[in-house]
Structure formats: C-alpha cells, structure tokens
N, C-alpha and C. Protein backbone atom coordinates (compact mmCIF):
# COMPACT_ATOMS: atom_id res chain seq x y z
N MET A 1 0.83 -1.19 0.00
CA MET A 1 0.00 0.00 0.00
C MET A 1 0.86 1.25 0.00
N PRO A 2 0.47 2.31 -0.70
CA PRO A 2 1.25 3.53 -0.71
C PRO A 2 1.29 4.21 0.66
N ASN A 3 0.27 4.03 1.49
CA ASN A 3 0.25 4.69 2.78
C ASN A 3 1.29 4.12 3.74
N ASN A 4 1.70 2.88 3.55
CA ASN A 4 2.66 2.29 4.46
C ASN A 4 4.09 2.76 4.20
N GLN A 5 4.41 3.21 3.01
CA GLN A 5 5.77 3.60 2.68
C GLN A 5 6.29 4.76 3.55
N PRO A 6 5.54 5.86 3.74
CA PRO A 6 6.07 6.92 4.59
C PRO A 6 6.25 6.46 6.04
N ILE A 7 5.39 5.57 6.51
CA ILE A 7 5.53 5.08 7.87
C ILE A 7 6.85 4.32 8.02
N LYS A 8 7.19 3.49 7.03
CA LYS A 8 8.45 2.76 7.08
C LYS A 8 9.63 3.73 7.05
N ASN A 9 9.54 4.77 6.24
CA ASN A 9 10.63 5.76 6.19
C ASN A 9 10.80 6.46 7.52
N HIS A 10 9.69 6.82 8.18
CA HIS A 10 9.78 7.47 9.48
C HIS A 10 10.39 6.54 10.51
N SER A 11 10.03 5.26 10.44
CA SER A 11 10.58 4.30 11.38
C SER A 11 12.08 4.13 11.14
N LYS A 12 12.49 4.11 9.90
CA LYS A 12 13.92 3.99 9.56
C LYS A 12 14.67 5.24 10.01
N ARG A 13 14.07 6.40 9.80
CA ARG A 13 14.68 7.65 10.25
C ARG A 13 14.80 7.68 11.77
N ALA A 14 13.78 7.18 12.44
CA ALA A 14 13.82 7.14 13.90
C ALA A 14 14.94 6.24 14.40
N ARG A 15 15.12 5.11 13.75
CA ARG A 15 16.22 4.21 14.14
C ARG A 15 17.57 4.89 13.94
N HIS A 16 17.72 5.59 12.84
CA HIS A 16 18.98 6.30 12.60
C HIS A 16 19.17 7.42 13.64
N LEU A 17 18.09 8.10 13.98
CA LEU A 17 18.17 9.15 14.99
C LEU A 17 18.51 8.57 16.35
N PHE A 18 17.96 7.40 16.68
CA PHE A 18 18.33 6.71 17.92
C PHE A 18 19.81 6.37 17.93
N LEU A 19 20.33 5.91 16.82
CA LEU A 19 21.73 5.54 16.72
C LEU A 19 22.63 6.76 16.92
N VAL A 20 22.31 7.85 16.24
CA VAL A 20 23.10 9.07 16.37
C VAL A 20 23.03 9.62 17.79
N SER A 21 21.83 9.62 18.37
CA SER A 21 21.70 10.15 19.73
C SER A 21 22.39 9.24 20.74
N GLY A 22 22.40 7.93 20.52
CA GLY A 22 23.11 7.01 21.41
C GLY A 22 24.61 7.27 21.40
N ILE A 23 25.16 7.50 20.21
CA ILE A 23 26.58 7.83 20.11
C ILE A 23 26.86 9.16 20.80
N ALA A 24 25.96 10.13 20.60
CA ALA A 24 26.14 11.44 21.25
C ALA A 24 26.06 11.32 22.77
N VAL A 25 25.16 10.48 23.28
CA VAL A 25 25.04 10.29 24.73
C VAL A 25 26.31 9.66 25.28
N LEU A 26 26.86 8.66 24.59
CA LEU A 26 28.08 8.04 25.07
C LEU A 26 29.26 9.01 25.07
N LEU A 27 29.35 9.85 24.05
CA LEU A 27 30.41 10.87 24.03
C LEU A 27 30.20 11.90 25.14
N TRP A 28 28.95 12.33 25.32
CA TRP A 28 28.64 13.33 26.33
C TRP A 28 28.85 12.79 27.74
N SER A 29 28.52 11.55 27.97
CA SER A 29 28.59 11.01 29.34
C SER A 29 30.02 10.87 29.83
N GLY A 30 31.00 10.87 28.95
CA GLY A 30 32.39 10.81 29.37
C GLY A 30 32.96 12.15 29.78
N MET A 31 32.30 13.23 29.40
CA MET A 31 32.80 14.58 29.69
C MET A 31 32.45 14.98 31.12
N GLU A 32 33.30 15.83 31.69
CA GLU A 32 32.98 16.46 32.98
C GLU A 32 32.21 17.73 32.67
N ASP A 33 30.91 17.71 32.90
CA ASP A 33 30.07 18.83 32.51
C ASP A 33 28.92 18.94 33.50
N HIS A 34 28.63 20.15 33.94
CA HIS A 34 27.52 20.38 34.86
C HIS A 34 26.41 21.20 34.21
N ASP A 35 26.58 21.54 32.96
CA ASP A 35 25.63 22.39 32.26
C ASP A 35 24.38 21.60 31.86
N ALA A 36 23.23 22.23 31.96
CA ALA A 36 21.97 21.55 31.65
C ALA A 36 21.58 21.69 30.18
N LEU A 37 22.23 22.56 29.44
CA LEU A 37 21.82 22.80 28.05
C LEU A 37 22.07 21.58 27.17
N LEU A 38 23.26 21.02 27.23
CA LEU A 38 23.59 19.89 26.36
C LEU A 38 22.74 18.66 26.69
N VAL A 39 22.55 18.39 27.97
CA VAL A 39 21.74 17.23 28.35
C VAL A 39 20.28 17.44 27.94
N THR A 40 19.81 18.66 27.98
CA THR A 40 18.44 18.94 27.54
C THR A 40 18.30 18.73 26.04
N LEU A 41 19.30 19.16 25.27
CA LEU A 41 19.27 18.93 23.83
C LEU A 41 19.31 17.43 23.51
N LEU A 42 20.13 16.68 24.23
CA LEU A 42 20.19 15.23 24.02
C LEU A 42 18.88 14.56 24.41
N GLY A 43 18.26 15.01 25.50
CA GLY A 43 16.96 14.46 25.90
C GLY A 43 15.88 14.76 24.87
N THR A 44 15.93 15.95 24.30
CA THR A 44 14.97 16.31 23.26
C THR A 44 15.21 15.49 21.98
N LEU A 45 16.46 15.24 21.66
CA LEU A 45 16.78 14.41 20.50
C LEU A 45 16.25 12.98 20.69
N LEU A 46 16.46 12.42 21.87
CA LEU A 46 15.92 11.09 22.16
C LEU A 46 14.39 11.09 22.14
N ALA A 47 13.79 12.15 22.68
CA ALA A 47 12.33 12.24 22.69
C ALA A 47 11.77 12.36 21.27
N THR A 48 12.47 13.06 20.40
CA THR A 48 12.04 13.18 19.01
C THR A 48 12.09 11.83 18.32
N ALA A 49 13.17 11.08 18.54
CA ALA A 49 13.27 9.75 17.94
C ALA A 49 12.19 8.82 18.48
N ALA A 50 11.93 8.88 19.78
CA ALA A 50 10.89 8.03 20.37
C ALA A 50 9.51 8.41 19.83
N THR A 51 9.25 9.70 19.66
CA THR A 51 7.97 10.15 19.12
C THR A 51 7.81 9.69 17.69
N MET A 52 8.86 9.78 16.89
CA MET A 52 8.78 9.30 15.51
C MET A 52 8.47 7.82 15.48
N MET A 53 9.08 7.05 16.38
CA MET A 53 8.84 5.61 16.42
C MET A 53 7.40 5.32 16.87
N LEU A 54 6.93 6.07 17.87
CA LEU A 54 5.56 5.86 18.36
C LEU A 54 4.52 6.22 17.31
N LEU A 55 4.75 7.32 16.61
CA LEU A 55 3.79 7.74 15.59
C LEU A 55 3.81 6.83 14.37
N ALA A 56 4.91 6.13 14.15
CA ALA A 56 4.98 5.19 13.04
C ALA A 56 4.38 3.84 13.39
N SER A 57 4.11 3.62 14.68
CA SER A 57 3.57 2.32 15.08
C SER A 57 2.12 2.18 14.61
N HIS A 58 1.70 0.96 14.48
CA HIS A 58 0.35 0.70 13.96
C HIS A 58 -0.73 1.09 14.96
N GLY A 59 -0.43 1.10 16.25
CA GLY A 59 -1.43 1.43 17.26
C GLY A 59 -1.82 2.89 17.28
N LEU A 60 -0.87 3.78 17.07
CA LEU A 60 -1.15 5.22 17.13
C LEU A 60 -1.52 5.82 15.79
N ARG A 61 -1.21 5.14 14.71
CA ARG A 61 -1.44 5.71 13.39
C ARG A 61 -2.90 6.10 13.15
N PRO A 62 -3.91 5.24 13.46
CA PRO A 62 -5.29 5.66 13.21
C PRO A 62 -5.75 6.84 14.07
N ALA A 63 -5.27 6.91 15.30
CA ALA A 63 -5.68 8.01 16.17
C ALA A 63 -5.11 9.34 15.70
N ILE A 64 -3.90 9.33 15.22
CA ILE A 64 -3.27 10.56 14.75
C ILE A 64 -3.81 10.97 13.39
N ALA A 65 -4.09 10.01 12.53
CA ALA A 65 -4.50 10.30 11.15
C ALA A 65 -5.86 10.99 11.06
N ARG A 66 -6.66 10.92 12.11
CA ARG A 66 -8.00 11.52 12.06
C ARG A 66 -7.96 13.04 12.07
N GLY A 67 -6.94 13.63 12.62
CA GLY A 67 -6.91 15.08 12.76
C GLY A 67 -6.28 15.78 11.57
N SER A 68 -6.38 17.10 11.59
CA SER A 68 -5.76 17.91 10.55
C SER A 68 -4.25 17.97 10.79
N ARG A 69 -3.52 18.47 9.81
CA ARG A 69 -2.06 18.56 9.94
C ARG A 69 -1.63 19.40 11.14
N PRO A 70 -2.22 20.58 11.35
CA PRO A 70 -1.81 21.36 12.54
C PRO A 70 -2.11 20.62 13.85
N ARG A 71 -3.22 19.90 13.90
CA ARG A 71 -3.54 19.13 15.11
C ARG A 71 -2.53 18.00 15.29
N GLN A 72 -2.16 17.33 14.21
CA GLN A 72 -1.16 16.27 14.29
C GLN A 72 0.18 16.83 14.76
N GLY A 73 0.53 18.00 14.25
CA GLY A 73 1.78 18.64 14.67
C GLY A 73 1.76 19.01 16.14
N ALA A 74 0.62 19.51 16.61
CA ALA A 74 0.50 19.87 18.02
C ALA A 74 0.62 18.64 18.92
N LEU A 75 -0.02 17.54 18.52
CA LEU A 75 0.07 16.31 19.31
C LEU A 75 1.49 15.76 19.32
N ALA A 76 2.14 15.77 18.18
CA ALA A 76 3.52 15.28 18.11
C ALA A 76 4.45 16.17 18.94
N GLY A 77 4.27 17.48 18.85
CA GLY A 77 5.10 18.39 19.63
C GLY A 77 4.89 18.25 21.12
N ALA A 78 3.64 18.08 21.53
CA ALA A 78 3.36 17.88 22.95
C ALA A 78 3.97 16.57 23.45
N LEU A 79 3.93 15.55 22.63
CA LEU A 79 4.53 14.28 23.01
C LEU A 79 6.06 14.41 23.11
N ILE A 80 6.66 15.13 22.19
CA ILE A 80 8.11 15.36 22.26
C ILE A 80 8.46 16.13 23.54
N GLY A 81 7.70 17.17 23.85
CA GLY A 81 7.96 17.94 25.07
C GLY A 81 7.81 17.11 26.34
N THR A 82 6.80 16.27 26.36
CA THR A 82 6.58 15.41 27.53
C THR A 82 7.71 14.39 27.68
N LEU A 83 8.05 13.74 26.58
CA LEU A 83 9.11 12.74 26.64
C LEU A 83 10.47 13.36 26.91
N ALA A 84 10.70 14.58 26.44
CA ALA A 84 11.97 15.25 26.71
C ALA A 84 12.13 15.57 28.18
N SER A 85 11.02 15.91 28.85
CA SER A 85 11.11 16.21 30.27
C SER A 85 11.31 14.96 31.11
N VAL A 86 11.11 13.78 30.54
CA VAL A 86 11.40 12.53 31.22
C VAL A 86 12.80 12.03 30.83
N ALA A 87 13.16 12.14 29.56
CA ALA A 87 14.45 11.65 29.08
C ALA A 87 15.62 12.45 29.66
N THR A 88 15.42 13.74 29.84
CA THR A 88 16.51 14.59 30.32
C THR A 88 16.96 14.21 31.73
N PRO A 89 16.06 14.09 32.72
CA PRO A 89 16.56 13.67 34.04
C PRO A 89 17.09 12.23 34.06
N LEU A 90 16.57 11.37 33.17
CA LEU A 90 17.13 10.02 33.09
C LEU A 90 18.57 10.05 32.58
N LEU A 91 18.84 10.92 31.61
CA LEU A 91 20.21 11.09 31.14
C LEU A 91 21.11 11.68 32.24
N MET A 92 20.57 12.63 32.99
CA MET A 92 21.32 13.20 34.10
C MET A 92 21.67 12.13 35.13
N LEU A 93 20.70 11.29 35.44
CA LEU A 93 20.91 10.21 36.39
C LEU A 93 21.93 9.21 35.85
N PHE A 94 21.84 8.88 34.57
CA PHE A 94 22.80 7.99 33.94
C PHE A 94 24.23 8.52 34.09
N LYS A 95 24.41 9.81 33.86
CA LYS A 95 25.74 10.40 33.97
C LYS A 95 26.21 10.41 35.42
N ASP A 96 25.30 10.72 36.35
CA ASP A 96 25.66 10.70 37.76
C ASP A 96 26.10 9.31 38.20
N LEU A 97 25.39 8.29 37.75
CA LEU A 97 25.75 6.92 38.12
C LEU A 97 27.04 6.47 37.44
N ARG A 98 27.25 6.92 36.23
CA ARG A 98 28.45 6.53 35.50
C ARG A 98 29.70 7.15 36.10
N HIS A 99 29.60 8.41 36.54
CA HIS A 99 30.77 9.08 37.09
C HIS A 99 30.99 8.74 38.56
N ALA A 100 29.95 8.55 39.31
CA ALA A 100 30.00 8.15 40.72
C ALA A 100 30.90 9.06 41.56
N HIS A 101 30.73 10.38 41.42
CA HIS A 101 31.45 11.33 42.26
C HIS A 101 30.79 11.41 43.63
N ILE A 102 31.52 11.98 44.57
CA ILE A 102 30.93 12.23 45.88
C ILE A 102 29.81 13.25 45.74
N TYR A 103 30.08 14.29 44.97
CA TYR A 103 29.07 15.29 44.65
C TYR A 103 28.65 15.07 43.20
N PRO A 104 27.41 14.72 42.96
CA PRO A 104 26.99 14.39 41.59
C PRO A 104 27.02 15.61 40.67
N ASP A 105 27.20 15.32 39.38
CA ASP A 105 27.19 16.39 38.38
C ASP A 105 25.84 17.10 38.37
N TYR A 106 24.79 16.34 38.52
CA TYR A 106 23.43 16.88 38.53
C TYR A 106 22.76 16.44 39.83
N PRO A 107 22.59 17.36 40.78
CA PRO A 107 21.97 16.98 42.06
C PRO A 107 20.49 16.61 41.90
N ALA A 108 19.96 15.95 42.91
CA ALA A 108 18.57 15.47 42.86
C ALA A 108 17.59 16.62 42.64
N GLY A 109 17.86 17.78 43.21
CA GLY A 109 16.98 18.92 43.02
C GLY A 109 16.88 19.35 41.57
N MET A 110 17.98 19.22 40.86
CA MET A 110 17.98 19.58 39.44
C MET A 110 17.17 18.57 38.62
N LEU A 111 17.28 17.29 38.97
CA LEU A 111 16.50 16.26 38.28
C LEU A 111 15.00 16.49 38.51
N LEU A 112 14.64 16.78 39.76
CA LEU A 112 13.23 17.02 40.07
C LEU A 112 12.71 18.31 39.42
N ALA A 113 13.55 19.33 39.37
CA ALA A 113 13.15 20.59 38.72
C ALA A 113 12.86 20.37 37.24
N THR A 114 13.63 19.47 36.62
CA THR A 114 13.39 19.17 35.21
C THR A 114 12.05 18.45 35.04
N LEU A 115 11.75 17.53 35.94
CA LEU A 115 10.46 16.83 35.87
C LEU A 115 9.29 17.77 36.14
N GLU A 116 9.51 18.76 37.01
CA GLU A 116 8.45 19.72 37.31
C GLU A 116 8.06 20.55 36.09
N ARG A 117 8.95 20.67 35.15
CA ARG A 117 8.70 21.47 33.95
C ARG A 117 7.95 20.72 32.86
N MET A 118 7.51 19.51 33.13
CA MET A 118 6.83 18.70 32.12
C MET A 118 5.62 19.40 31.49
N PRO A 119 4.71 20.00 32.27
CA PRO A 119 3.56 20.66 31.62
C PRO A 119 3.98 21.82 30.71
N VAL A 120 4.97 22.57 31.13
CA VAL A 120 5.42 23.71 30.33
C VAL A 120 6.10 23.22 29.05
N TRP A 121 6.91 22.17 29.17
CA TRP A 121 7.59 21.63 27.99
C TRP A 121 6.59 21.01 27.03
N ALA A 122 5.57 20.36 27.57
CA ALA A 122 4.54 19.77 26.70
C ALA A 122 3.78 20.87 25.97
N LEU A 123 3.44 21.94 26.67
CA LEU A 123 2.74 23.06 26.04
C LEU A 123 3.63 23.73 24.99
N ALA A 124 4.88 23.95 25.32
CA ALA A 124 5.80 24.57 24.36
C ALA A 124 5.99 23.68 23.13
N GLY A 125 6.14 22.38 23.35
CA GLY A 125 6.28 21.46 22.22
C GLY A 125 5.02 21.43 21.37
N GLY A 126 3.86 21.43 22.02
CA GLY A 126 2.60 21.44 21.27
C GLY A 126 2.43 22.69 20.44
N LEU A 127 2.76 23.83 21.00
CA LEU A 127 2.65 25.08 20.26
C LEU A 127 3.66 25.15 19.12
N ALA A 128 4.88 24.66 19.37
CA ALA A 128 5.89 24.65 18.30
C ALA A 128 5.46 23.69 17.18
N GLY A 129 4.97 22.51 17.55
CA GLY A 129 4.51 21.56 16.54
C GLY A 129 3.34 22.10 15.74
N PHE A 130 2.41 22.78 16.42
CA PHE A 130 1.28 23.39 15.74
C PHE A 130 1.75 24.45 14.75
N GLY A 131 2.68 25.29 15.20
CA GLY A 131 3.18 26.36 14.34
C GLY A 131 3.92 25.83 13.13
N ILE A 132 4.76 24.83 13.34
CA ILE A 132 5.52 24.25 12.22
C ILE A 132 4.57 23.59 11.22
N ALA A 133 3.60 22.83 11.72
CA ALA A 133 2.65 22.15 10.83
C ALA A 133 1.79 23.17 10.08
N LEU A 134 1.41 24.25 10.75
CA LEU A 134 0.62 25.28 10.10
C LEU A 134 1.43 25.97 9.00
N LEU A 135 2.69 26.27 9.27
CA LEU A 135 3.54 26.87 8.24
C LEU A 135 3.73 25.93 7.06
N LEU A 136 3.92 24.64 7.32
CA LEU A 136 4.07 23.68 6.23
C LEU A 136 2.79 23.56 5.41
N LYS A 137 1.65 23.58 6.10
CA LYS A 137 0.36 23.50 5.40
C LYS A 137 0.13 24.75 4.55
N LEU A 138 0.42 25.91 5.13
CA LEU A 138 0.25 27.15 4.37
C LEU A 138 1.20 27.22 3.20
N GLY A 139 2.43 26.74 3.37
CA GLY A 139 3.39 26.72 2.28
C GLY A 139 2.95 25.80 1.16
N ALA A 140 2.39 24.63 1.52
CA ALA A 140 1.90 23.70 0.50
C ALA A 140 0.69 24.29 -0.21
N ASP A 141 -0.21 24.94 0.52
CA ASP A 141 -1.37 25.56 -0.11
C ASP A 141 -0.93 26.70 -1.03
N TRP A 142 0.07 27.45 -0.63
CA TRP A 142 0.55 28.56 -1.44
C TRP A 142 1.16 28.05 -2.74
N ARG A 143 1.96 26.95 -2.63
CA ARG A 143 2.58 26.37 -3.83
C ARG A 143 1.54 25.84 -4.80
N HIS A 144 0.46 25.25 -4.28
CA HIS A 144 -0.60 24.71 -5.15
C HIS A 144 -1.43 25.81 -5.80
N SER A 145 -1.51 26.97 -5.17
CA SER A 145 -2.33 28.04 -5.73
C SER A 145 -1.60 28.80 -6.84
N ARG A 146 -0.31 28.61 -6.94
CA ARG A 146 0.46 29.34 -7.97
C ARG A 146 0.40 28.70 -9.28
C-alpha cells in the first residue's frame, strides 16, 4: 500500500536518529560537565526519535491520522515535550551513576526541577509543533495556488 511507505521511512529515520543520539550520549557522558543545556538537547533528541517511532507504530497511526495537519503537529510536539522532560533527568541520572562522584554532576533537586517542567515543555512542544505544521500546510497551499 502507498500509505505504508512513509511510515516505514519514518521508522527507519527514527532508528537512525536513535543511533546518532546514542553515540552522542556516550560521548557526552564521558565529559565532565555540569551544564543543563547539552543534556536537555540530548533528551529532546531522544524524545524526538521516540515520538517518531511511536507515531509510526500501527497502534497510534489511526488516532493521529484523524486530525488535521496542525492538530497532528501539536500532538507530536506535545509528546516530544513530555518525553523530553522525562528523558533529560534520566540522562542526568545515567551520567551521575556513570561518574560516581561524591558530589553528583546533577543533584537530585535539578532532576526534580526538570520533571516539574513537564507541563510547560509539553505546552511549548505542542505550540511549536502546531506552528511548524501550520507553516508547512500554508506553504503547501501557497505552492498549489500558484
């Protein structure tokens, strides 16, 4: 079926994104770093790959396909934001356990503060996904009208 081909491509892209992010996590986890920016970017990268894999799965495909493109973008963005707020403290914990310092690179308060931001990150991701999907839809409509 022609509809299955893009799903396979997204799944393949997600696997490649998982591979790249795994290599990046291994390189990052060896560094002595206390900054939250890089770990947040890595958590968002992992969340994006996981969202691509979830949206390509057969279980979520019918639920997502019912909505318009901007709605699909908002749902995907909200899912990325939610998963990023979970993946980021897990990566912080992984690095803390790997380094095993007396004073951890990322204290428990920082991990909890990241989890507390889940609603805000989900809202920001949803709005970003909505905006990107709306711009893509408007661009496609503009190209067809010319």
